[in-house]
């Protein structure tokens, strides 16, 4: 006794339900960790800003000290 094959509409419904479940779980995980994600984004942005400022100012500072002690 074999079970009947699922219909195309049932397969599509199951696939869509699985996709919706996955998206829901991702959204729940993001909302549960929103504070940590925001902290990482803010600290990363600050670190990037400091790095960009350093790259812009570093040649002038090293040139100043090179002229002062050179």
Protein backbone atom coordinates (compact mmCIF):
# COMPACT_ATOMS: atom_id res chain seq x y z
CA UNK A 1 0.00 0.00 0.00
CA UNK A 2 1.56 3.18 -1.12
CA UNK A 3 0.34 6.61 -0.20
CA UNK A 4 -0.86 8.88 -2.99
CA UNK A 5 1.58 11.46 -4.34
CA UNK A 6 1.00 15.00 -3.08
CA UNK A 7 -0.59 17.42 -5.50
CA UNK A 8 1.26 20.41 -6.91
CA UNK A 9 -0.92 22.82 -4.98
CA UNK A 10 -0.15 21.01 -1.71
CA UNK A 11 3.58 21.05 -2.50
CA UNK A 12 3.47 24.79 -3.25
CA UNK A 13 1.46 25.48 -0.10
CA UNK A 14 3.95 23.53 2.02
CA UNK A 15 6.88 25.34 0.37
CA UNK A 16 5.34 28.77 0.96
CA UNK A 17 4.52 27.86 4.58
CA UNK A 18 8.12 26.76 5.13
CA UNK A 19 9.46 30.01 3.65
CA UNK A 20 7.10 32.07 5.83
CA UNK A 21 8.19 30.12 8.91
CA UNK A 22 11.86 30.71 8.12
CA UNK A 23 11.30 34.46 7.60
CA UNK A 24 9.31 34.62 10.86
CA UNK A 25 12.11 32.90 12.78
CA UNK A 26 14.71 35.28 11.31
CA UNK A 27 12.56 38.27 12.28
CA UNK A 28 12.12 36.95 15.82
CA UNK A 29 15.87 36.39 16.18
CA UNK A 30 16.64 39.90 14.95
CA UNK A 31 14.06 41.47 17.27
CA UNK A 32 15.35 39.46 20.24
CA UNK A 33 18.91 40.65 19.56
CA UNK A 34 18.12 44.19 18.38
CA UNK A 35 20.04 45.81 21.22
CA UNK A 36 23.21 43.84 20.52
CA UNK A 37 22.92 44.43 16.78
CA UNK A 38 22.48 48.18 17.31
CA UNK A 39 25.48 48.27 19.65
CA UNK A 40 27.67 46.49 17.12
CA UNK A 41 26.57 48.86 14.35
CA UNK A 42 27.21 51.96 16.47
CA UNK A 43 30.61 50.81 17.73
CA UNK A 44 31.60 49.71 14.23
CA UNK A 45 30.58 53.09 12.83
CA UNK A 46 32.57 54.91 15.49
CA UNK A 47 35.61 52.72 14.82
CA UNK A 48 35.32 53.39 11.10
CA UNK A 49 35.07 57.13 11.76
CA UNK A 50 38.14 57.13 13.98
CA UNK A 51 40.06 55.13 11.38
CA UNK A 52 39.08 57.55 8.60
CA UNK A 53 40.09 60.51 10.76
CA UNK A 54 43.41 58.84 11.59
CA UNK A 55 44.16 58.18 7.93
CA UNK A 56 43.54 61.82 7.14
CA UNK A 57 45.51 63.34 10.04
CA UNK A 58 48.35 60.80 10.46
CA UNK A 59 50.58 62.10 7.61
CA UNK A 60 50.42 65.65 8.99
CA UNK A 61 51.24 64.52 12.53
CA UNK A 62 54.13 62.31 11.44
CA UNK A 63 55.44 65.11 9.20
CA UNK A 64 55.28 67.51 12.14
CA UNK A 65 57.28 65.19 14.40
CA UNK A 66 59.70 64.37 11.58
CA UNK A 67 60.36 68.09 11.15
CA UNK A 68 60.58 68.64 14.90
CA UNK A 69 63.09 65.88 15.61
CA UNK A 70 64.64 65.43 12.17
